């Protein structure tokens, strides 16, 4: 995620690996707090159930979509 401010652009995925470089001015602070609340208030069992449901839905979606064939001439373009 890249964030913009009046002074510079920050690529959070690269520059904030060891912690946010903007501190209290971080535009992603709200997301961090929301994620922390979710982790704190949701049991591991519930998180695992959510993950299993997401995987199940993805498998069903893959199984129901038609196969896509790639022709050699399409690869050359």
N, C-alpha and C. Protein backbone atom coordinates (compact mmCIF):
# COMPACT_ATOMS: atom_id res chain seq x y z
N UNK A 1 0.84 -1.17 0.00
CA UNK A 1 0.00 0.00 0.00
C UNK A 1 0.88 1.23 0.00
N UNK A 2 0.58 2.17 -0.87
CA UNK A 2 1.31 3.42 -0.93
C UNK A 2 0.41 4.51 -0.41
N UNK A 3 0.96 5.32 0.47
CA UNK A 3 0.18 6.43 1.00
C UNK A 3 0.81 7.73 0.56
N UNK A 4 -0.02 8.74 0.36
CA UNK A 4 0.46 10.04 -0.10
C UNK A 4 0.22 11.07 0.99
N UNK A 5 1.15 11.98 1.12
CA UNK A 5 0.91 13.16 1.95
C UNK A 5 1.51 14.35 1.22
N UNK A 6 1.50 15.52 1.82
CA UNK A 6 1.99 16.71 1.14
C UNK A 6 3.49 16.67 0.94
N UNK A 7 4.23 15.96 1.76
CA UNK A 7 5.68 15.94 1.68
C UNK A 7 6.23 14.85 0.79
N UNK A 8 5.72 13.63 0.89
CA UNK A 8 6.29 12.53 0.14
C UNK A 8 5.33 11.37 0.05
N UNK A 9 5.74 10.39 -0.76
CA UNK A 9 4.96 9.17 -0.90
C UNK A 9 5.68 8.07 -0.14
N UNK A 10 4.91 7.25 0.57
CA UNK A 10 5.49 6.17 1.37
C UNK A 10 4.94 4.84 0.89
N UNK A 11 5.82 3.91 0.56
CA UNK A 11 5.40 2.55 0.21
C UNK A 11 5.46 1.75 1.51
N UNK A 12 4.31 1.62 2.15
CA UNK A 12 4.23 1.00 3.48
C UNK A 12 4.79 -0.43 3.49
N UNK A 13 4.54 -1.19 2.44
CA UNK A 13 5.00 -2.58 2.39
C UNK A 13 6.52 -2.67 2.41
N UNK A 14 7.20 -1.64 1.93
CA UNK A 14 8.66 -1.65 1.88
C UNK A 14 9.27 -0.90 3.06
N UNK A 15 8.80 0.31 3.27
CA UNK A 15 9.44 1.20 4.24
C UNK A 15 9.00 0.98 5.69
N UNK A 16 7.86 0.35 5.89
CA UNK A 16 7.35 0.19 7.26
C UNK A 16 7.46 -1.26 7.74
N UNK A 17 8.39 -2.03 7.19
CA UNK A 17 8.56 -3.43 7.56
C UNK A 17 8.85 -3.58 9.05
N UNK A 18 9.65 -2.69 9.59
CA UNK A 18 10.03 -2.75 11.00
C UNK A 18 9.19 -1.83 11.87
N UNK A 19 8.06 -1.35 11.34
CA UNK A 19 7.20 -0.44 12.08
C UNK A 19 6.92 0.79 11.24
N UNK A 20 5.82 1.42 11.52
CA UNK A 20 5.39 2.59 10.74
C UNK A 20 6.38 3.73 10.90
N UNK A 21 6.78 4.31 9.77
CA UNK A 21 7.74 5.42 9.82
C UNK A 21 7.05 6.76 10.04
N UNK A 22 5.70 6.79 9.92
CA UNK A 22 4.97 8.04 10.09
C UNK A 22 4.41 8.22 11.50
N UNK A 23 4.47 7.17 12.29
CA UNK A 23 3.99 7.27 13.67
C UNK A 23 2.52 7.61 13.76
N UNK A 24 2.19 8.68 14.50
CA UNK A 24 0.80 9.06 14.73
C UNK A 24 0.11 9.58 13.48
N UNK A 25 0.86 9.91 12.44
CA UNK A 25 0.28 10.42 11.20
C UNK A 25 -0.02 9.30 10.20
N UNK A 26 0.13 8.06 10.61
CA UNK A 26 -0.09 6.93 9.72
C UNK A 26 -1.55 6.88 9.27
N UNK A 27 -1.80 6.88 7.95
CA UNK A 27 -3.17 6.82 7.46
C UNK A 27 -3.81 5.44 7.64
N UNK A 28 -3.01 4.44 7.96
CA UNK A 28 -3.51 3.07 8.13
C UNK A 28 -3.76 2.71 9.58
N UNK A 29 -3.61 3.66 10.49
CA UNK A 29 -3.77 3.40 11.92
C UNK A 29 -5.16 2.84 12.24
N UNK A 30 -6.18 3.35 11.58
CA UNK A 30 -7.54 2.87 11.83
C UNK A 30 -7.66 1.39 11.50
N UNK A 31 -7.03 0.96 10.41
CA UNK A 31 -7.07 -0.45 10.03
C UNK A 31 -6.31 -1.32 11.03
N UNK A 32 -5.22 -0.81 11.52
CA UNK A 32 -4.43 -1.53 12.52
C UNK A 32 -5.25 -1.73 13.79
N UNK A 33 -5.92 -0.69 14.22
CA UNK A 33 -6.75 -0.79 15.43
C UNK A 33 -7.92 -1.75 15.22
N UNK A 34 -8.53 -1.69 14.04
CA UNK A 34 -9.64 -2.58 13.73
C UNK A 34 -9.18 -4.04 13.72
N UNK A 35 -8.02 -4.31 13.13
CA UNK A 35 -7.49 -5.67 13.09
C UNK A 35 -7.14 -6.15 14.50
N UNK A 36 -6.57 -5.28 15.30
CA UNK A 36 -6.24 -5.65 16.68
C UNK A 36 -7.49 -6.00 17.48
N UNK A 37 -8.56 -5.22 17.30
CA UNK A 37 -9.82 -5.52 17.99
C UNK A 37 -10.36 -6.88 17.56
N UNK A 38 -10.31 -7.14 16.25
CA UNK A 38 -10.81 -8.41 15.73
C UNK A 38 -10.04 -9.57 16.35
N UNK A 39 -8.72 -9.47 16.37
CA UNK A 39 -7.88 -10.53 16.92
C UNK A 39 -8.16 -10.72 18.41
N UNK A 40 -8.34 -9.62 19.11
CA UNK A 40 -8.57 -9.67 20.55
C UNK A 40 -9.93 -10.26 20.90
N UNK A 41 -10.95 -9.94 20.09
CA UNK A 41 -12.33 -10.32 20.43
C UNK A 41 -12.84 -11.56 19.72
N UNK A 42 -12.05 -12.16 18.86
CA UNK A 42 -12.50 -13.33 18.10
C UNK A 42 -11.67 -14.54 18.51
N UNK A 43 -12.36 -15.62 18.82
CA UNK A 43 -11.64 -16.82 19.24
C UNK A 43 -10.93 -17.46 18.05
N UNK A 44 -9.90 -18.20 18.33
CA UNK A 44 -9.15 -18.89 17.28
C UNK A 44 -10.05 -19.86 16.53
N UNK A 45 -10.93 -20.53 17.24
CA UNK A 45 -11.86 -21.46 16.60
C UNK A 45 -12.75 -20.75 15.58
N UNK A 46 -13.22 -19.56 15.94
CA UNK A 46 -14.06 -18.78 15.03
C UNK A 46 -13.26 -18.36 13.80
N UNK A 47 -12.02 -17.94 14.01
CA UNK A 47 -11.17 -17.54 12.87
C UNK A 47 -10.91 -18.73 11.95
N UNK A 48 -10.69 -19.90 12.53
CA UNK A 48 -10.47 -21.10 11.72
C UNK A 48 -11.73 -21.46 10.93
N UNK A 49 -12.89 -21.32 11.55
CA UNK A 49 -14.15 -21.58 10.85
C UNK A 49 -14.31 -20.62 9.67
N UNK A 50 -13.98 -19.36 9.89
CA UNK A 50 -14.08 -18.36 8.83
C UNK A 50 -13.13 -18.72 7.67
N UNK A 51 -11.93 -19.13 8.00
CA UNK A 51 -10.95 -19.51 6.98
C UNK A 51 -11.41 -20.73 6.20
N UNK A 52 -11.93 -21.72 6.91
CA UNK A 52 -12.42 -22.93 6.24
C UNK A 52 -13.57 -22.61 5.30
N UNK A 53 -14.46 -21.72 5.72
CA UNK A 53 -15.58 -21.32 4.88
C UNK A 53 -15.09 -20.59 3.63
N UNK A 54 -14.11 -19.73 3.78
CA UNK A 54 -13.56 -19.01 2.63
C UNK A 54 -12.91 -19.97 1.64
N UNK A 55 -12.17 -20.96 2.15
CA UNK A 55 -11.54 -21.95 1.28
C UNK A 55 -12.61 -22.77 0.57
N UNK A 56 -13.65 -23.15 1.29
CA UNK A 56 -14.73 -23.94 0.70
C UNK A 56 -15.41 -23.17 -0.43
N UNK A 57 -15.70 -21.89 -0.21
CA UNK A 57 -16.34 -21.07 -1.23
C UNK A 57 -15.44 -20.93 -2.46
N UNK A 58 -14.15 -20.77 -2.23
CA UNK A 58 -13.22 -20.63 -3.35
C UNK A 58 -13.14 -21.92 -4.15
N UNK A 59 -13.14 -23.07 -3.48
CA UNK A 59 -13.10 -24.35 -4.17
C UNK A 59 -14.36 -24.55 -5.00
N UNK A 60 -15.51 -24.17 -4.46
CA UNK A 60 -16.77 -24.31 -5.20
C UNK A 60 -16.75 -23.39 -6.42
N UNK A 61 -16.27 -22.17 -6.25
CA UNK A 61 -16.21 -21.24 -7.37
C UNK A 61 -15.30 -21.77 -8.47
N UNK A 62 -14.16 -22.34 -8.11
CA UNK A 62 -13.24 -22.90 -9.11
C UNK A 62 -13.86 -24.10 -9.81
N UNK A 63 -14.59 -24.91 -9.07
CA UNK A 63 -15.18 -26.12 -9.64
C UNK A 63 -16.31 -25.79 -10.60
N UNK A 64 -17.02 -24.69 -10.38
CA UNK A 64 -18.17 -24.36 -11.21
C UNK A 64 -17.82 -23.50 -12.42
N UNK A 65 -16.66 -22.87 -12.42
CA UNK A 65 -16.32 -22.05 -13.60
C UNK A 65 -15.75 -22.93 -14.70
N UNK A 66 -16.03 -22.58 -15.94
CA UNK A 66 -15.55 -23.42 -17.04
C UNK A 66 -14.02 -23.39 -17.14
N UNK A 67 -13.48 -24.47 -17.66
CA UNK A 67 -12.04 -24.57 -17.85
C UNK A 67 -11.59 -23.57 -18.90
N UNK A 68 -10.43 -23.01 -18.71
CA UNK A 68 -9.89 -22.05 -19.66
C UNK A 68 -8.69 -22.70 -20.35
N UNK A 69 -8.80 -22.81 -21.64
CA UNK A 69 -7.73 -23.40 -22.43
C UNK A 69 -6.85 -22.28 -22.98
N UNK A 70 -5.55 -22.49 -22.92
CA UNK A 70 -4.61 -21.52 -23.47
C UNK A 70 -4.00 -22.15 -24.71
N UNK A 71 -4.21 -21.50 -25.84
CA UNK A 71 -3.67 -21.99 -27.10
C UNK A 71 -2.26 -21.46 -27.29
N UNK A 72 -1.37 -22.23 -27.89
CA UNK A 72 0.03 -21.81 -28.08
C UNK A 72 0.16 -20.45 -28.78
N UNK A 73 -0.70 -20.17 -29.75
CA UNK A 73 -0.59 -18.89 -30.45
C UNK A 73 -0.93 -17.71 -29.53
N UNK A 74 -1.73 -17.95 -28.50
CA UNK A 74 -2.04 -16.89 -27.53
C UNK A 74 -0.83 -16.59 -26.64
N UNK A 75 0.00 -17.59 -26.42
CA UNK A 75 1.19 -17.40 -25.58
C UNK A 75 2.24 -16.56 -26.27
N UNK A 76 2.27 -16.58 -27.61
CA UNK A 76 3.30 -15.83 -28.35
C UNK A 76 3.04 -14.35 -28.35
N UNK A 77 1.82 -13.91 -28.14
CA UNK A 77 1.48 -12.48 -28.18
C UNK A 77 1.86 -11.78 -26.95
